[in-house]
Amino acid sequence: MNDVYVLGVGMTRFGKHPNESVKSLTAMAVAAALADALLGPDDIQAAWFANTRQPMLEGQNTIRGQIALRAAGLSGIPICTVENACASGTTALWLAMSALKAGMADVVLIAGAEKMVYPDRPEKVTASFAGGTDIHDREAVLDYIRAMGGNPPEAGRSLFMDIYAAQARGHMDRFASSVEDLARIAAKNHCAGAQNPNAQYRTPFTVEQVLADKAIVFPFTRAMCAPVSDGAAAAVLVSERVLQRYGAQRAVRVRSCALRSTIERPSDDYSRHIGRLAALQAYEQASISAADVDLVEVHDATAFAELQQIENLGLAERGSVGARLAMGDFALGGKCPVNPSGGLLAKGHPVAATGVAQLFELVTQLRGEAGARQVAGARIAVAENGGGFLGVEEGVTAVTVLEGPL
């Protein structure tokens, strides 16, 4: 097989960017990735552009990728727009890898960008989140929330906060996880985000401050929930057969990328959770086990999502995450740091950019270039990126395994 390497990465700071557009954010991230790879736009042979919100919030559709990447200097090449919920960025990676491994191209680009902060159209922003479920069977989603002791979602709040809250309550009932466990995750990530210049929030929190923050929906406070964000991230990927031509000193190998969709299962059958199945597939493809992993970025749209994915990735037995958090195992300096970027909770969550931003963080870490948040001696890194909701779990989840420079 023709192995795939990340040659360059770039991203904007995530947050509220009222004076920027999808095009301008994309251009900044692409320029940074190309500069990091020491390449120019003319070197790129194909590109995949991830975006989910522009049709609903701006009315731009059908050729989003061509429009956004043209502003970044890319034209005339194959360009595909990717929309796959919050996993759109990693789906772009999966597709780009397929083309590289097939020999259809040797130097490609992936980019994810989102403009989500629109104070003048809150109803559209809320509706864009609801569209991540089956709108023809909305009652099934509400029944799922009610079955876990929840109430119908409040107007103006993302439906996904209520879905995650329902899952958290189910986990608390079965495995005795606690609100304090979630607060430890949130505090850990906000403290890590304080060390990340690209993070939307850079204010450290204590566990007590997380617990005292504004209540959103039980068991979550505001600090336990990812914000609405603008931002973009990009990466340049190359095939192994041309790697030496472009320089291998800082290139990071993509050992595997597993992409899975929802299956039918009982809600309490955690062994067949989409995140667990994706992790097992990615580990098998990369010929590693969870014990080999040095650091992780997971899709912590809420603090509970991180707890759940720590279990799915096999980093802790189900029900034991709380004790491991209390020992500091998943914090910077611990056995296997999780979300050293600050995660979605602190770094922000511009939906389609999130998976590519995880790639940015892990490549930076594996190169030893993460500064104050550097994980010492990191060699193997894993990213989990999931989104949407269908049945009793995410509609799509991807798990990627990366290996440090040669």
Protein backbone atom coordinates (compact mmCIF):
# COMPACT_ATOMS: atom_id res chain seq x y z
CA MET A 1 0.00 0.00 0.00
CA ASN A 2 0.99 3.62 -0.60
CA ASP A 3 1.26 5.12 2.91
CA VAL A 4 -0.05 8.64 3.58
CA TYR A 5 1.76 11.42 5.43
CA VAL A 6 0.73 14.82 6.76
CA LEU A 7 3.25 17.30 5.41
CA GLY A 8 1.75 20.59 6.58
CA VAL A 9 -1.01 21.86 8.88
CA GLY A 10 -2.59 25.23 9.58
CA MET A 11 -5.57 26.69 11.40
CA THR A 12 -7.13 29.95 12.46
CA ARG A 13 -7.93 30.79 16.02
CA PHE A 14 -11.40 29.47 16.80
CA GLY A 15 -14.00 31.83 18.23
CA LYS A 16 -16.28 34.64 17.12
CA HIS A 17 -15.09 36.29 13.90
CA PRO A 18 -17.78 38.80 12.88
CA ASN A 19 -15.61 40.38 10.20
CA GLU A 20 -14.59 37.10 8.53
CA SER A 21 -16.36 34.79 6.09
CA VAL A 22 -16.08 31.11 5.21
CA LYS A 23 -13.87 32.17 2.29
CA SER A 24 -11.53 34.36 4.33
CA LEU A 25 -11.22 31.83 7.16
CA THR A 26 -10.48 29.08 4.66
CA ALA A 27 -7.86 31.20 2.91
CA MET A 28 -6.04 31.84 6.19
CA ALA A 29 -5.95 28.15 7.18
CA VAL A 30 -4.91 26.97 3.71
CA ALA A 31 -2.14 29.57 3.47
CA ALA A 32 -0.81 28.44 6.87
CA ALA A 33 -0.89 24.75 5.88
CA LEU A 34 0.87 25.39 2.58
CA ALA A 35 3.52 27.50 4.29
CA ASP A 36 4.06 24.77 6.88
CA ALA A 37 4.54 22.24 4.05
CA LEU A 38 6.81 24.63 2.12
CA LEU A 39 4.48 24.33 -0.89
CA GLY A 40 2.36 26.65 -2.99
CA PRO A 41 -1.20 26.35 -4.36
CA ASP A 42 0.11 25.05 -7.70
CA ASP A 43 1.56 21.98 -5.97
CA ILE A 44 -1.88 20.73 -4.87
CA GLN A 45 -3.38 18.11 -7.21
CA ALA A 46 -6.80 17.64 -5.55
CA ALA A 47 -8.70 19.00 -2.56
CA TRP A 48 -11.57 18.13 -0.23
CA PHE A 49 -13.49 20.92 1.53
CA ALA A 50 -15.59 20.18 4.62
CA ASN A 51 -18.52 22.41 5.58
CA THR A 52 -21.99 21.86 7.03
CA ARG A 53 -23.60 25.20 7.91
CA GLN A 54 -23.12 27.51 4.92
CA PRO A 55 -26.25 26.43 2.99
CA MET A 56 -28.56 27.05 5.96
CA LEU A 57 -26.93 30.15 7.38
CA GLU A 58 -25.69 31.91 4.24
CA GLY A 59 -27.58 30.29 1.38
CA GLN A 60 -24.36 29.20 -0.32
CA ASN A 61 -24.59 25.65 -1.62
CA THR A 62 -23.75 23.26 -4.49
CA ILE A 63 -20.16 24.47 -5.11
CA ARG A 64 -19.03 25.53 -1.65
CA GLY A 65 -15.62 23.90 -2.03
CA GLN A 66 -14.81 25.49 -5.34
CA ILE A 67 -15.80 28.93 -4.06
CA ALA A 68 -13.97 28.75 -0.73
CA LEU A 69 -10.79 27.23 -2.16
CA ARG A 70 -10.69 29.57 -5.12
CA ALA A 71 -10.27 32.38 -2.60
CA ALA A 72 -7.33 30.38 -1.22
CA GLY A 73 -5.68 30.19 -4.64
CA LEU A 74 -6.82 26.71 -5.68
CA SER A 75 -8.63 26.17 -8.98
CA GLY A 76 -8.70 23.84 -11.96
CA ILE A 77 -8.09 20.72 -9.86
CA PRO A 78 -10.61 18.15 -8.59
CA ILE A 79 -12.40 19.74 -5.61
CA CYS A 80 -15.09 17.93 -3.61
CA THR A 81 -17.30 19.33 -0.87
CA VAL A 82 -17.76 17.00 2.11
CA GLU A 83 -20.68 17.15 4.53
CA ASN A 84 -20.83 14.44 7.18
CA ALA A 85 -21.96 16.18 10.37
CA CYS A 86 -19.29 17.01 12.95
CA ALA A 87 -17.08 14.31 11.40
CA SER A 88 -16.91 16.15 8.07
CA GLY A 89 -13.26 17.15 8.55
CA THR A 90 -12.07 13.61 9.23
CA THR A 91 -14.28 12.30 6.45
CA ALA A 92 -12.35 14.62 4.13
CA LEU A 93 -9.17 13.00 5.44
CA TRP A 94 -10.57 9.51 4.80
CA LEU A 95 -11.50 10.42 1.22
CA ALA A 96 -8.16 12.11 0.54
CA MET A 97 -6.33 9.05 1.86
CA SER A 98 -8.34 6.84 -0.48
CA ALA A 99 -7.23 8.88 -3.48
CA LEU A 100 -3.59 8.90 -2.37
CA LYS A 101 -3.51 5.18 -1.70
CA ALA A 102 -5.14 4.51 -5.08
CA GLY A 103 -2.44 6.52 -6.82
CA MET A 104 -4.89 9.07 -8.23
CA ALA A 105 -2.84 11.93 -6.74
CA ASP A 106 0.31 12.43 -4.71
CA VAL A 107 -0.14 15.86 -3.10
CA VAL A 108 -3.58 16.89 -1.85
CA LEU A 109 -5.23 19.27 0.56
CA ILE A 110 -8.09 18.96 3.03
CA ALA A 111 -9.77 21.94 4.65
CA GLY A 112 -12.68 22.42 7.01
CA ALA A 113 -14.34 25.75 7.64
CA GLU A 114 -17.44 26.99 9.39
CA LYS A 115 -19.07 30.37 10.04
CA MET A 116 -21.61 29.67 12.77
CA VAL A 117 -21.85 32.83 14.89
CA TYR A 118 -24.78 34.89 13.59
CA PRO A 119 -26.40 36.89 16.41
CA ASP A 120 -29.03 38.19 13.98
CA ARG A 121 -30.37 34.73 13.04
CA PRO A 122 -30.48 32.56 16.21
CA GLU A 123 -33.41 30.50 14.96
CA LYS A 124 -31.40 29.36 11.92
CA VAL A 125 -28.41 28.46 14.08
CA THR A 126 -30.63 26.34 16.34
CA ALA A 127 -32.32 24.69 13.34
CA SER A 128 -28.94 23.81 11.85
CA PHE A 129 -28.21 21.61 14.89
CA ALA A 130 -31.63 19.92 14.75
CA GLY A 131 -30.84 18.98 11.14
CA GLY A 132 -28.19 16.59 12.45
CA THR A 133 -30.95 14.13 13.39
CA ASP A 134 -33.69 12.44 11.32
CA ILE A 135 -36.16 15.30 10.90
CA HIS A 136 -38.79 12.82 9.68
CA ASP A 137 -38.66 10.98 13.01
CA ARG A 138 -38.11 13.76 15.50
CA GLU A 139 -40.47 12.11 17.98
CA ALA A 140 -38.07 9.16 18.31
CA VAL A 141 -35.31 11.56 19.41
CA LEU A 142 -37.61 13.17 21.96
CA ASP A 143 -38.72 9.74 23.21
CA TYR A 144 -35.05 8.81 23.68
CA ILE A 145 -34.47 11.95 25.77
CA ARG A 146 -37.61 11.34 27.86
CA ALA A 147 -36.62 7.70 28.46
CA MET A 148 -33.44 8.95 30.12
CA GLY A 149 -35.36 11.29 32.42
CA GLY A 150 -35.13 14.43 30.29
CA ASN A 151 -37.67 17.02 29.24
CA PRO A 152 -38.35 18.42 25.74
CA PRO A 153 -35.47 20.71 24.72
CA GLU A 154 -35.82 24.40 25.46
CA ALA A 155 -36.15 26.81 22.57
CA GLY A 156 -32.83 28.30 21.47
CA ARG A 157 -30.71 25.44 22.84
CA SER A 158 -28.91 22.91 20.69
CA LEU A 159 -30.83 19.64 20.66
CA PHE A 160 -27.51 17.84 21.03
CA MET A 161 -27.00 19.17 24.55
CA ASP A 162 -30.19 17.35 25.57
CA ILE A 163 -29.13 14.18 23.76
CA TYR A 164 -25.73 14.16 25.45
CA ALA A 165 -27.37 14.93 28.80
CA ALA A 166 -29.68 11.93 28.35
CA GLN A 167 -26.69 9.71 27.61
CA ALA A 168 -24.83 11.09 30.61
CA ARG A 169 -27.75 10.32 32.92
CA GLY A 170 -27.94 6.77 31.57
CA HIS A 171 -24.23 6.29 32.19
CA MET A 172 -24.51 7.71 35.71
CA ASP A 173 -27.33 5.28 36.50
CA ARG A 174 -25.45 2.23 35.20
CA PHE A 175 -21.81 2.98 36.03
CA ALA A 176 -22.10 5.46 38.92
CA SER A 177 -20.24 8.19 37.05
CA SER A 178 -20.82 11.60 38.62
CA VAL A 179 -21.25 15.28 37.93
CA GLU A 180 -17.85 15.76 39.57
CA ASP A 181 -16.27 13.46 36.97
CA LEU A 182 -17.66 15.69 34.23
CA ALA A 183 -16.43 18.77 36.06
CA ARG A 184 -12.92 17.31 36.23
CA ILE A 185 -12.95 16.77 32.47
CA ALA A 186 -14.13 20.31 31.81
CA ALA A 187 -11.61 21.86 34.22
CA LYS A 188 -8.80 19.80 32.70
CA ASN A 189 -9.68 20.92 29.18
CA HIS A 190 -10.12 24.58 30.05
CA CYS A 191 -6.74 24.58 31.77
CA ALA A 192 -5.17 23.00 28.68
CA GLY A 193 -6.94 25.50 26.43
CA ALA A 194 -5.34 28.32 28.40
CA GLN A 195 -2.03 27.11 26.89
CA ASN A 196 -3.35 27.04 23.29
CA PRO A 197 -3.13 30.31 21.32
CA ASN A 198 -5.74 29.01 18.85
CA ALA A 199 -8.35 28.27 21.53
CA GLN A 200 -11.62 30.17 21.72
CA TYR A 201 -11.52 30.18 25.53
CA ARG A 202 -8.20 30.62 27.31
CA THR A 203 -9.39 30.96 30.90
CA PRO A 204 -8.44 28.12 33.27
CA PHE A 205 -11.20 26.67 35.46
CA THR A 206 -11.17 24.77 38.73
CA VAL A 207 -13.56 21.89 39.30
CA GLU A 208 -15.49 24.13 41.71
CA GLN A 209 -15.80 26.89 39.12
CA VAL A 210 -17.11 24.44 36.53
CA LEU A 211 -19.75 23.17 38.95
CA ALA A 212 -20.76 26.72 39.85
CA ASP A 213 -21.13 27.86 36.23
CA LYS A 214 -24.53 28.50 34.63
CA ALA A 215 -26.73 25.39 34.47
CA ILE A 216 -27.62 24.29 30.91
CA VAL A 217 -29.39 20.92 31.25
CA PHE A 218 -28.68 18.38 33.99
CA PRO A 219 -25.97 17.28 34.52
CA PHE A 220 -24.21 19.96 32.44
CA THR A 221 -23.10 23.46 33.29
CA ARG A 222 -21.99 25.88 30.59
CA ALA A 223 -18.30 25.05 31.07
CA MET A 224 -19.10 21.40 30.26
CA CYS A 225 -20.53 22.28 26.81
CA ALA A 226 -18.72 23.23 23.61
CA PRO A 227 -19.44 26.75 22.32
CA VAL A 228 -20.69 27.85 18.91
CA SER A 229 -17.61 28.86 16.92
CA ASP A 230 -16.18 30.24 13.69
CA GLY A 231 -12.91 28.93 12.31
CA ALA A 232 -11.01 26.88 9.76
CA ALA A 233 -8.21 24.31 9.61
CA ALA A 234 -6.32 22.70 6.74
CA ALA A 235 -3.72 20.02 6.07
CA VAL A 236 -1.48 18.99 3.18
CA LEU A 237 -1.19 15.24 2.64
CA VAL A 238 1.29 13.40 0.44
CA SER A 239 1.81 9.82 -0.66
CA GLU A 240 4.83 7.87 0.46
CA ARG A 241 6.17 7.61 -3.06
CA VAL A 242 6.81 11.36 -3.24
CA LEU A 243 7.61 11.96 0.43
CA GLN A 244 11.36 12.26 0.03
CA ARG A 245 10.90 14.83 -2.72
CA TYR A 246 9.17 17.17 -0.29
CA GLY A 247 11.13 16.36 2.88
CA ALA A 248 10.29 13.77 5.49
CA GLN A 249 11.82 15.40 8.57
CA ARG A 250 8.53 16.78 9.95
CA ALA A 251 6.07 14.53 8.12
CA VAL A 252 3.63 12.57 10.29
CA ARG A 253 2.40 9.19 9.08
CA VAL A 254 -1.32 8.40 9.06
CA ARG A 255 -1.27 4.81 10.29
CA SER A 256 -5.04 4.36 9.85
CA CYS A 257 -8.39 6.11 9.58
CA ALA A 258 -11.58 4.17 10.29
CA LEU A 259 -14.95 5.67 9.35
CA ARG A 260 -18.15 4.07 10.66
CA SER A 261 -21.88 4.80 10.51
CA THR A 262 -24.68 4.03 12.95
CA ILE A 263 -25.78 0.45 13.55
CA GLU A 264 -28.92 -0.87 15.18
CA ARG A 265 -28.23 -1.83 18.78
CA PRO A 266 -29.81 -1.64 22.25
CA SER A 267 -28.88 1.62 23.96
CA ASP A 268 -27.12 -0.27 26.77
CA ASP A 269 -24.96 -2.43 24.47
CA TYR A 270 -21.83 -0.33 24.86
CA SER A 271 -19.60 -3.01 23.36
CA ARG A 272 -21.10 -2.25 19.94
CA HIS A 273 -21.09 1.54 20.27
CA ILE A 274 -20.05 3.21 17.03
CA GLY A 275 -17.04 4.78 18.75
CA ARG A 276 -15.87 1.43 20.08
CA LEU A 277 -16.20 -0.27 16.69
CA ALA A 278 -14.34 2.55 14.94
CA ALA A 279 -11.55 2.40 17.53
CA LEU A 280 -11.11 -1.35 17.19
CA GLN A 281 -11.00 -1.07 13.40
CA ALA A 282 -8.46 1.78 13.50
CA TYR A 283 -6.25 -0.09 15.97
CA GLU A 284 -6.31 -3.25 13.86
CA GLN A 285 -5.45 -1.33 10.69
CA ALA A 286 -2.58 0.43 12.48
CA SER A 287 -1.37 -2.76 14.22
CA ILE A 288 -1.52 -1.15 17.66
CA SER A 289 -3.52 -1.46 20.88
CA ALA A 290 -4.82 1.16 23.29
CA ALA A 291 -1.73 0.57 25.43
CA ASP A 292 0.44 2.02 22.65
CA VAL A 293 -1.34 5.39 22.55
CA ASP A 294 0.54 8.39 23.96
CA LEU A 295 -2.09 11.12 23.58
CA VAL A 296 -5.61 11.58 22.27
CA GLU A 297 -7.93 14.24 20.89
CA VAL A 298 -11.61 13.29 21.26
CA HIS A 299 -14.84 14.95 20.22
CA ASP A 300 -15.88 16.46 23.55
CA ALA A 301 -18.95 18.37 22.41
CA THR A 302 -19.81 17.91 26.09
CA ALA A 303 -17.72 16.69 29.00
CA PHE A 304 -19.68 13.43 28.95
CA ALA A 305 -18.74 12.84 25.32
CA GLU A 306 -15.10 12.79 26.39
CA LEU A 307 -15.77 10.32 29.20
CA GLN A 308 -17.62 8.06 26.77
CA GLN A 309 -14.88 8.18 24.15
CA ILE A 310 -12.13 7.48 26.70
CA GLU A 311 -13.99 4.24 27.35
CA ASN A 312 -14.64 3.52 23.66
CA LEU A 313 -10.95 3.99 22.84
CA GLY A 314 -10.05 1.42 25.50
CA LEU A 315 -8.09 3.90 27.61
CA ALA A 316 -10.09 2.93 30.71
CA GLU A 317 -12.60 0.29 31.72
CA ARG A 318 -16.22 1.42 31.72
CA GLY A 319 -17.05 2.95 35.06
CA SER A 320 -13.40 3.62 35.97
CA VAL A 321 -12.85 6.95 34.21
CA GLY A 322 -13.75 8.99 37.28
CA ALA A 323 -11.03 7.37 39.40
CA ARG A 324 -8.51 7.77 36.61
CA LEU A 325 -9.41 11.45 36.24
CA ALA A 326 -8.91 11.96 39.97
CA MET A 327 -5.40 10.51 39.61
CA GLY A 328 -4.63 12.89 36.73
CA ASP A 329 -4.08 10.12 34.17
CA PHE A 330 -5.72 12.05 31.31
CA ALA A 331 -4.35 15.51 32.08
CA LEU A 332 -1.15 17.04 30.73
CA GLY A 333 1.69 15.18 32.44
CA GLY A 334 -0.52 12.12 32.99
CA LYS A 335 -0.31 8.62 31.52
CA CYS A 336 -2.27 9.45 28.37
CA PRO A 337 -3.29 13.12 28.03
CA VAL A 338 -6.71 13.61 26.43
CA ASN A 339 -7.47 16.85 24.61
CA PRO A 340 -4.23 18.74 25.30
CA SER A 341 -5.54 21.33 22.82
CA GLY A 342 -8.34 22.17 25.24
CA GLY A 343 -10.75 20.04 23.23
CA LEU A 344 -13.99 21.36 21.84
CA LEU A 345 -14.90 22.68 25.30
CA ALA A 346 -12.11 25.28 25.29
CA LYS A 347 -10.66 25.30 21.77
CA GLY A 348 -14.12 25.68 20.20
CA HIS A 349 -16.22 23.71 17.73
CA PRO A 350 -16.67 25.13 14.22
CA VAL A 351 -18.30 21.88 13.17
CA ALA A 352 -16.64 20.91 9.86
CA ALA A 353 -13.28 22.33 10.94
CA THR A 354 -13.08 20.29 14.13
CA GLY A 355 -11.69 17.04 12.69
CA VAL A 356 -8.97 18.86 10.76
CA ALA A 357 -8.13 20.92 13.86
CA GLN A 358 -7.65 17.68 15.79
CA LEU A 359 -5.18 16.68 13.08
CA PHE A 360 -3.42 20.04 13.52
CA GLU A 361 -3.04 19.48 17.26
CA LEU A 362 -1.77 15.92 17.02
CA VAL A 363 0.69 16.69 14.23
CA THR A 364 1.99 19.62 16.28
CA GLN A 365 2.36 17.38 19.32
CA LEU A 366 4.08 14.56 17.44
CA ARG A 367 6.58 17.04 16.01
CA GLY A 368 7.33 18.29 19.52
CA GLU A 369 6.16 21.81 18.63
CA ALA A 370 3.27 22.30 21.07
CA GLY A 371 5.10 24.55 23.54
CA ALA A 372 3.60 24.77 27.02
CA ARG A 373 1.06 22.02 26.30
CA GLN A 374 3.59 19.59 24.80
CA VAL A 375 3.14 15.93 25.68
CA ALA A 376 6.66 14.63 26.33
CA GLY A 377 7.89 11.78 24.17
CA ALA A 378 4.68 11.45 22.15
CA ARG A 379 4.98 8.92 19.34
CA ILE A 380 1.49 7.49 18.71
CA ALA A 381 -1.59 9.74 18.74
CA VAL A 382 -5.28 9.06 18.18
CA ALA A 383 -8.19 11.31 17.19
CA GLU A 384 -11.90 10.48 17.58
CA ASN A 385 -14.34 12.69 15.66
CA GLY A 386 -18.07 11.96 15.57
CA GLY A 387 -21.31 13.70 14.80
CA GLY A 388 -25.01 13.60 14.12
CA PHE A 389 -27.46 11.38 16.01
CA LEU A 390 -29.34 8.38 14.67
CA GLY A 391 -31.01 5.69 16.71
CA VAL A 392 -29.13 5.68 20.02
CA GLU A 393 -25.72 7.04 18.98
CA GLU A 394 -23.78 9.27 16.61
CA GLY A 395 -24.64 9.04 12.94
CA VAL A 396 -20.96 8.90 12.00
CA THR A 397 -17.66 8.46 13.83
CA ALA A 398 -14.06 8.37 12.64
CA VAL A 399 -10.95 7.27 14.54
CA THR A 400 -7.51 8.14 13.19
CA VAL A 401 -4.09 6.85 14.29
CA LEU A 402 -0.98 8.98 13.66
CA GLU A 403 2.70 8.21 14.11
CA GLY A 404 5.42 10.77 14.77
CA PRO A 405 8.03 11.88 12.24
CA LEU A 406 10.55 9.38 10.89
